[in-house]
Amino acid sequence: WGPQTRFIESARLDQNGRFRLQSLPAGNYIVVATDDMEPGEERDPEILEQLRSKGSRVALREGESRAIEVKVVAY
């Protein structure tokens, strides 16, 4: 994890309570939803480590599209 990685993305919910992330490379991810994160904190290694065990694990293959449900967690 680092400030310039392409493996970390953030998104805001739309009016239907959904979010979309595009252009992620294939790989294994941890998806976390939180409502109290300040801009830039999504790349803070200490905060990411706190959230690691609270997220949903997702494997994404090249060109694959996934829909998942996640619960909001606090850190």
PDB file of N, CA and C in Angstrom:
ATOM      1  N   TRP A   1       0.845  -1.176   0.000  1.00  0.00           N
ATOM      2  CA  TRP A   1       0.000   0.000   0.000  1.00  0.00           C
ATOM      3  C   TRP A   1       0.882   1.227   0.000  1.00  0.00           C
ATOM      4  N   GLY A   2       0.572   2.133  -0.857  1.00  0.00           N
ATOM      5  CA  GLY A   2       1.314   3.372  -0.901  1.00  0.00           C
ATOM      6  C   GLY A   2       0.472   4.449  -1.545  1.00  0.00           C
ATOM      7  N   PRO A   3       0.903   5.686  -1.445  1.00  0.00           N
ATOM      8  CA  PRO A   3       0.100   6.798  -1.942  1.00  0.00           C
ATOM      9  C   PRO A   3      -0.114   6.798  -3.460  1.00  0.00           C
ATOM     10  N   GLN A   4       0.745   6.150  -4.219  1.00  0.00           N
ATOM     11  CA  GLN A   4       0.613   6.177  -5.677  1.00  0.00           C
ATOM     12  C   GLN A   4       0.106   4.878  -6.279  1.00  0.00           C
ATOM     13  N   THR A   5      -0.335   3.935  -5.468  1.00  0.00           N
ATOM     14  CA  THR A   5      -0.763   2.634  -5.997  1.00  0.00           C
ATOM     15  C   THR A   5      -2.055   2.732  -6.799  1.00  0.00           C
ATOM     16  N   ARG A   6      -2.196   1.895  -7.780  1.00  0.00           N
ATOM     17  CA  ARG A   6      -3.437   1.849  -8.562  1.00  0.00           C
ATOM     18  C   ARG A   6      -4.388   0.793  -8.027  1.00  0.00           C
ATOM     19  N   PHE A   7      -4.006   0.149  -6.915  1.00  0.00           N
ATOM     20  CA  PHE A   7      -4.835  -0.885  -6.312  1.00  0.00           C
ATOM     21  C   PHE A   7      -5.733  -0.356  -5.191  1.00  0.00           C
ATOM     22  N   ILE A   8      -5.729   0.940  -4.963  1.00  0.00           N
ATOM     23  CA  ILE A   8      -6.614   1.566  -3.976  1.00  0.00           C
ATOM     24  C   ILE A   8      -7.506   2.555  -4.712  1.00  0.00           C
ATOM     25  N   GLU A   9      -8.807   2.430  -4.518  1.00  0.00           N
ATOM     26  CA  GLU A   9      -9.786   3.335  -5.120  1.00  0.00           C
ATOM     27  C   GLU A   9     -10.811   3.703  -4.068  1.00  0.00           C
ATOM     28  N   SER A  10     -11.458   4.822  -4.264  1.00  0.00           N
ATOM     29  CA  SER A  10     -12.560   5.203  -3.387  1.00  0.00           C
ATOM     30  C   SER A  10     -13.701   5.717  -4.249  1.00  0.00           C
ATOM     31  N   ALA A  11     -14.902   5.637  -3.697  1.00  0.00           N
ATOM     32  CA  ALA A  11     -16.087   6.101  -4.420  1.00  0.00           C
ATOM     33  C   ALA A  11     -17.142   6.514  -3.410  1.00  0.00           C
ATOM     34  N   ARG A  12     -18.023   7.375  -3.837  1.00  0.00           N
ATOM     35  CA  ARG A  12     -19.160   7.792  -3.020  1.00  0.00           C
ATOM     36  C   ARG A  12     -20.403   7.066  -3.506  1.00  0.00           C
ATOM     37  N   LEU A  13     -21.342   6.864  -2.600  1.00  0.00           N
ATOM     38  CA  LEU A  13     -22.601   6.226  -2.960  1.00  0.00           C
ATOM     39  C   LEU A  13     -23.422   7.120  -3.876  1.00  0.00           C
ATOM     40  N   ASP A  14     -24.164   6.493  -4.794  1.00  0.00           N
ATOM     41  CA  ASP A  14     -25.088   7.254  -5.625  1.00  0.00           C
ATOM     42  C   ASP A  14     -26.438   7.353  -4.907  1.00  0.00           C
ATOM     43  N   GLN A  15     -27.438   7.909  -5.555  1.00  0.00           N
ATOM     44  CA  GLN A  15     -28.755   8.107  -4.941  1.00  0.00           C
ATOM     45  C   GLN A  15     -29.450   6.794  -4.605  1.00  0.00           C
ATOM     46  N   ASN A  16     -28.994   5.681  -5.160  1.00  0.00           N
ATOM     47  CA  ASN A  16     -29.562   4.365  -4.870  1.00  0.00           C
ATOM     48  C   ASN A  16     -28.756   3.580  -3.835  1.00  0.00           C
ATOM     49  N   GLY A  17     -27.750   4.218  -3.239  1.00  0.00           N
ATOM     50  CA  GLY A  17     -26.923   3.544  -2.253  1.00  0.00           C
ATOM     51  C   GLY A  17     -25.901   2.605  -2.854  1.00  0.00           C
ATOM     52  N   ARG A  18     -25.540   2.832  -4.100  1.00  0.00           N
ATOM     53  CA  ARG A  18     -24.566   1.986  -4.792  1.00  0.00           C
ATOM     54  C   ARG A  18     -23.325   2.796  -5.152  1.00  0.00           C
ATOM     55  N   PHE A  19     -22.247   2.089  -5.390  1.00  0.00           N
ATOM     56  CA  PHE A  19     -21.025   2.731  -5.858  1.00  0.00           C
ATOM     57  C   PHE A  19     -20.452   1.910  -6.999  1.00  0.00           C
ATOM     58  N   ARG A  20     -19.601   2.530  -7.783  1.00  0.00           N
ATOM     59  CA  ARG A  20     -18.975   1.851  -8.915  1.00  0.00           C
ATOM     60  C   ARG A  20     -17.503   2.265  -8.962  1.00  0.00           C
ATOM     61  N   LEU A  21     -16.663   1.254  -9.097  1.00  0.00           N
ATOM     62  CA  LEU A  21     -15.237   1.473  -9.306  1.00  0.00           C
ATOM     63  C   LEU A  21     -14.900   0.918 -10.676  1.00  0.00           C
ATOM     64  N   GLN A  22     -14.187   1.678 -11.453  1.00  0.00           N
ATOM     65  CA  GLN A  22     -13.845   1.237 -12.803  1.00  0.00           C
ATOM     66  C   GLN A  22     -12.337   1.234 -12.986  1.00  0.00           C
ATOM     67  N   SER A  23     -11.900   0.426 -13.912  1.00  0.00           N
ATOM     68  CA  SER A  23     -10.491   0.366 -14.315  1.00  0.00           C
ATOM     69  C   SER A  23      -9.556  -0.182 -13.246  1.00  0.00           C
ATOM     70  N   LEU A  24     -10.064  -1.031 -12.359  1.00  0.00           N
ATOM     71  CA  LEU A  24      -9.172  -1.695 -11.419  1.00  0.00           C
ATOM     72  C   LEU A  24      -8.468  -2.840 -12.130  1.00  0.00           C
ATOM     73  N   PRO A  25      -7.185  -3.019 -11.882  1.00  0.00           N
ATOM     74  CA  PRO A  25      -6.496  -4.172 -12.468  1.00  0.00           C
ATOM     75  C   PRO A  25      -6.957  -5.459 -11.785  1.00  0.00           C
ATOM     76  N   ALA A  26      -6.785  -6.578 -12.468  1.00  0.00           N
ATOM     77  CA  ALA A  26      -7.115  -7.872 -11.882  1.00  0.00           C
ATOM     78  C   ALA A  26      -6.306  -8.049 -10.602  1.00  0.00           C
ATOM     79  N   GLY A  27      -6.903  -8.718  -9.627  1.00  0.00           N
ATOM     80  CA  GLY A  27      -6.194  -8.945  -8.374  1.00  0.00           C
ATOM     81  C   GLY A  27      -7.151  -9.273  -7.247  1.00  0.00           C
ATOM     82  N   ASN A  28      -6.597  -9.421  -6.061  1.00  0.00           N
ATOM     83  CA  ASN A  28      -7.373  -9.683  -4.854  1.00  0.00           C
ATOM     84  C   ASN A  28      -7.518  -8.375  -4.090  1.00  0.00           C
ATOM     85  N   TYR A  29      -8.750  -8.093  -3.667  1.00  0.00           N
ATOM     86  CA  TYR A  29      -9.057  -6.825  -3.023  1.00  0.00           C
ATOM     87  C   TYR A  29      -9.790  -7.030  -1.710  1.00  0.00           C
ATOM     88  N   ILE A  30      -9.748  -6.014  -0.873  1.00  0.00           N
ATOM     89  CA  ILE A  30     -10.557  -5.930   0.328  1.00  0.00           C
ATOM     90  C   ILE A  30     -11.429  -4.697   0.152  1.00  0.00           C
ATOM     91  N   VAL A  31     -12.746  -4.891   0.183  1.00  0.00           N
ATOM     92  CA  VAL A  31     -13.696  -3.799  -0.016  1.00  0.00           C
ATOM     93  C   VAL A  31     -14.252  -3.392   1.339  1.00  0.00           C
ATOM     94  N   VAL A  32     -14.175  -2.096   1.628  1.00  0.00           N
ATOM     95  CA  VAL A  32     -14.636  -1.565   2.911  1.00  0.00           C
ATOM     96  C   VAL A  32     -15.511  -0.349   2.647  1.00  0.00           C
ATOM     97  N   ALA A  33     -16.644  -0.280   3.340  1.00  0.00           N
ATOM     98  CA  ALA A  33     -17.517   0.890   3.282  1.00  0.00           C
ATOM     99  C   ALA A  33     -17.490   1.575   4.642  1.00  0.00           C
ATOM    100  N   THR A  34     -17.242   2.869   4.652  1.00  0.00           N
ATOM    101  CA  THR A  34     -17.225   3.645   5.888  1.00  0.00           C
ATOM    102  C   THR A  34     -17.813   5.013   5.607  1.00  0.00           C
ATOM    103  N   ASP A  35     -18.430   5.595   6.596  1.00  0.00           N
ATOM    104  CA  ASP A  35     -19.051   6.902   6.379  1.00  0.00           C
ATOM    105  C   ASP A  35     -18.331   8.028   7.102  1.00  0.00           C
ATOM    106  N   ASP A  36     -17.180   7.732   7.697  1.00  0.00           N
ATOM    107  CA  ASP A  36     -16.496   8.769   8.460  1.00  0.00           C
ATOM    108  C   ASP A  36     -15.043   8.975   8.034  1.00  0.00           C
ATOM    109  N   MET A  37     -14.742   8.773   6.769  1.00  0.00           N
ATOM    110  CA  MET A  37     -13.377   8.906   6.269  1.00  0.00           C
ATOM    111  C   MET A  37     -13.175  10.282   5.635  1.00  0.00           C
ATOM    112  N   GLU A  38     -12.093  10.926   6.008  1.00  0.00           N
ATOM    113  CA  GLU A  38     -11.736  12.222   5.432  1.00  0.00           C
ATOM    114  C   GLU A  38     -11.000  12.013   4.111  1.00  0.00           C
ATOM    115  N   PRO A  39     -11.081  12.990   3.195  1.00  0.00           N
ATOM    116  CA  PRO A  39     -10.348  12.859   1.926  1.00  0.00           C
ATOM    117  C   PRO A  39      -8.858  12.595   2.171  1.00  0.00           C
ATOM    118  N   GLY A  40      -8.334  11.601   1.478  1.00  0.00           N
ATOM    119  CA  GLY A  40      -6.931  11.230   1.601  1.00  0.00           C
ATOM    120  C   GLY A  40      -6.672  10.097   2.580  1.00  0.00           C
ATOM    121  N   GLU A  41      -7.606   9.882   3.517  1.00  0.00           N
ATOM    122  CA  GLU A  41      -7.403   8.816   4.494  1.00  0.00           C
ATOM    123  C   GLU A  41      -7.465   7.428   3.860  1.00  0.00           C
ATOM    124  N   GLU A  42      -8.077   7.308   2.682  1.00  0.00           N
ATOM    125  CA  GLU A  42      -8.168   6.004   2.026  1.00  0.00           C
ATOM    126  C   GLU A  42      -6.806   5.493   1.565  1.00  0.00           C
ATOM    127  N   ARG A  43      -5.789   6.308   1.647  1.00  0.00           N
ATOM    128  CA  ARG A  43      -4.435   5.898   1.270  1.00  0.00           C
ATOM    129  C   ARG A  43      -3.475   5.894   2.460  1.00  0.00           C
ATOM    130  N   ASP A  44      -3.988   6.104   3.654  1.00  0.00           N
ATOM    131  CA  ASP A  44      -3.171   6.122   4.868  1.00  0.00           C
ATOM    132  C   ASP A  44      -2.928   4.675   5.317  1.00  0.00           C
ATOM    133  N   PRO A  45      -1.667   4.208   5.311  1.00  0.00           N
ATOM    134  CA  PRO A  45      -1.376   2.815   5.657  1.00  0.00           C
ATOM    135  C   PRO A  45      -1.876   2.400   7.044  1.00  0.00           C
ATOM    136  N   GLU A  46      -1.841   3.295   8.023  1.00  0.00           N
ATOM    137  CA  GLU A  46      -2.311   2.952   9.371  1.00  0.00           C
ATOM    138  C   GLU A  46      -3.821   2.719   9.379  1.00  0.00           C
ATOM    139  N   ILE A  47      -4.565   3.556   8.681  1.00  0.00           N
ATOM    140  CA  ILE A  47      -6.016   3.390   8.608  1.00  0.00           C
ATOM    141  C   ILE A  47      -6.362   2.142   7.804  1.00  0.00           C
ATOM    142  N   LEU A  48      -5.661   1.915   6.702  1.00  0.00           N
ATOM    143  CA  LEU A  48      -5.914   0.713   5.898  1.00  0.00           C
ATOM    144  C   LEU A  48      -5.679  -0.550   6.718  1.00  0.00           C
ATOM    145  N   GLU A  49      -4.663  -0.536   7.553  1.00  0.00           N
ATOM    146  CA  GLU A  49      -4.390  -1.709   8.391  1.00  0.00           C
ATOM    147  C   GLU A  49      -5.520  -1.936   9.392  1.00  0.00           C
ATOM    148  N   GLN A  50      -6.096  -0.864   9.935  1.00  0.00           N
ATOM    149  CA  GLN A  50      -7.228  -0.984  10.858  1.00  0.00           C
ATOM    150  C   GLN A  50      -8.455  -1.567  10.152  1.00  0.00           C
ATOM    151  N   LEU A  51      -8.634  -1.225   8.873  1.00  0.00           N
ATOM    152  CA  LEU A  51      -9.806  -1.659   8.121  1.00  0.00           C
ATOM    153  C   LEU A  51      -9.658  -3.043   7.497  1.00  0.00           C
ATOM    154  N   ARG A  52      -8.453  -3.535   7.378  1.00  0.00           N
ATOM    155  CA  ARG A  52      -8.178  -4.802   6.683  1.00  0.00           C
ATOM    156  C   ARG A  52      -9.074  -5.947   7.151  1.00  0.00           C
ATOM    157  N   SER A  53      -9.207  -6.137   8.445  1.00  0.00           N
ATOM    158  CA  SER A  53      -9.980  -7.267   8.969  1.00  0.00           C
ATOM    159  C   SER A  53     -11.494  -7.037   8.899  1.00  0.00           C
ATOM    160  N   LYS A  54     -11.922  -5.825   8.611  1.00  0.00           N
ATOM    161  CA  LYS A  54     -13.349  -5.495   8.586  1.00  0.00           C
ATOM    162  C   LYS A  54     -13.959  -5.548   7.195  1.00  0.00           C
ATOM    163  N   GLY A  55     -13.133  -5.715   6.166  1.00  0.00           N
ATOM    164  CA  GLY A  55     -13.611  -5.664   4.791  1.00  0.00           C
ATOM    165  C   GLY A  55     -14.045  -6.998   4.227  1.00  0.00           C
ATOM    166  N   SER A  56     -14.631  -6.929   3.052  1.00  0.00           N
ATOM    167  CA  SER A  56     -15.035  -8.119   2.289  1.00  0.00           C
ATOM    168  C   SER A  56     -13.968  -8.402   1.246  1.00  0.00           C
ATOM    169  N   ARG A  57     -13.518  -9.631   1.175  1.00  0.00           N
ATOM    170  CA  ARG A  57     -12.485 -10.009   0.207  1.00  0.00           C
ATOM    171  C   ARG A  57     -13.124 -10.345  -1.137  1.00  0.00           C
ATOM    172  N   VAL A  58     -12.514  -9.821  -2.192  1.00  0.00           N
ATOM    173  CA  VAL A  58     -13.034 -10.011  -3.550  1.00  0.00           C
ATOM    174  C   VAL A  58     -11.860 -10.262  -4.488  1.00  0.00           C
ATOM    175  N   ALA A  59     -11.981 -11.289  -5.318  1.00  0.00           N
ATOM    176  CA  ALA A  59     -10.993 -11.548  -6.374  1.00  0.00           C
ATOM    177  C   ALA A  59     -11.585 -11.039  -7.679  1.00  0.00           C
ATOM    178  N   LEU A  60     -10.798 -10.286  -8.414  1.00  0.00           N
ATOM    179  CA  LEU A  60     -11.248  -9.707  -9.676  1.00  0.00           C
ATOM    180  C   LEU A  60     -10.328 -10.186 -10.795  1.00  0.00           C
ATOM    181  N   ARG A  61     -10.918 -10.837 -11.800  1.00  0.00           N
ATOM    182  CA  ARG A  61     -10.141 -11.303 -12.957  1.00  0.00           C
ATOM    183  C   ARG A  61     -10.119 -10.210 -14.024  1.00  0.00           C
ATOM    184  N   GLU A  62      -9.192 -10.333 -14.939  1.00  0.00           N
ATOM    185  CA  GLU A  62      -9.060  -9.380 -16.050  1.00  0.00           C
ATOM    186  C   GLU A  62     -10.388  -9.240 -16.795  1.00  0.00           C
ATOM    187  N   GLY A  63     -10.899  -8.023 -16.934  1.00  0.00           N
ATOM    188  CA  GLY A  63     -12.125  -7.751 -17.674  1.00  0.00           C
ATOM    189  C   GLY A  63     -13.404  -8.118 -16.946  1.00  0.00           C
ATOM    190  N   GLU A  64     -13.289  -8.627 -15.721  1.00  0.00           N
ATOM    191  CA  GLU A  64     -14.466  -9.071 -14.972  1.00  0.00           C
ATOM    192  C   GLU A  64     -15.170  -7.894 -14.304  1.00  0.00           C
ATOM    193  N   SER A  65     -16.476  -8.017 -14.182  1.00  0.00           N
ATOM    194  CA  SER A  65     -17.309  -7.045 -13.478  1.00  0.00           C
ATOM    195  C   SER A  65     -17.982  -7.777 -12.331  1.00  0.00           C
ATOM    196  N   ARG A  66     -18.002  -7.187 -11.143  1.00  0.00           N
ATOM    197  CA  ARG A  66     -18.576  -7.842  -9.963  1.00  0.00           C
ATOM    198  C   ARG A  66     -19.557  -6.913  -9.268  1.00  0.00           C
ATOM    199  N   ALA A  67     -20.572  -7.489  -8.669  1.00  0.00           N
ATOM    200  CA  ALA A  67     -21.500  -6.770  -7.799  1.00  0.00           C
ATOM    201  C   ALA A  67     -21.436  -7.445  -6.434  1.00  0.00           C
ATOM    202  N   ILE A  68     -21.196  -6.674  -5.391  1.00  0.00           N
ATOM    203  CA  ILE A  68     -21.125  -7.213  -4.043  1.00  0.00           C
ATOM    204  C   ILE A  68     -21.881  -6.297  -3.086  1.00  0.00           C
ATOM    205  N   GLU A  69     -22.265  -6.843  -1.949  1.00  0.00           N
ATOM    206  CA  GLU A  69     -22.874  -6.054  -0.891  1.00  0.00           C
ATOM    207  C   GLU A  69     -21.864  -5.922   0.232  1.00  0.00           C
ATOM    208  N   VAL A  70     -21.740  -4.714   0.771  1.00  0.00           N
ATOM    209  CA  VAL A  70     -20.843  -4.480   1.888  1.00  0.00           C
ATOM    210  C   VAL A  70     -21.589  -3.710   2.969  1.00  0.00           C
ATOM    211  N   LYS A  71     -21.198  -3.938   4.214  1.00  0.00           N
ATOM    212  CA  LYS A  71     -21.767  -3.216   5.346  1.00  0.00           C
ATOM    213  C   LYS A  71     -20.835  -2.085   5.746  1.00  0.00           C
ATOM    214  N   VAL A  72     -21.420  -0.992   6.198  1.00  0.00           N
ATOM    215  CA  VAL A  72     -20.630   0.151   6.666  1.00  0.00           C
ATOM    216  C   VAL A  72     -19.976  -0.223   7.991  1.00  0.00           C
ATOM    217  N   VAL A  73     -18.673   0.073   8.088  1.00  0.00           N
ATOM    218  CA  VAL A  73     -17.911  -0.207   9.309  1.00  0.00           C
ATOM    219  C   VAL A  73     -17.245   1.072   9.797  1.00  0.00           C
ATOM    220  N   ALA A  74     -16.919   1.085  11.064  1.00  0.00           N
ATOM    221  CA  ALA A  74     -16.172   2.204  11.661  1.00  0.00           C
ATOM    222  C   ALA A  74     -14.719   1.773  11.842  1.00  0.00           C
ATOM    223  N   TYR A  75     -13.851   2.736  11.931  1.00  0.00           N
ATOM    224  CA  TYR A  75     -12.439   2.409  12.201  1.00  0.00           C
ATOM    225  C   TYR A  75     -11.916   3.235  13.334  1.00  0.00           C
TER     226      TYR A  75
END
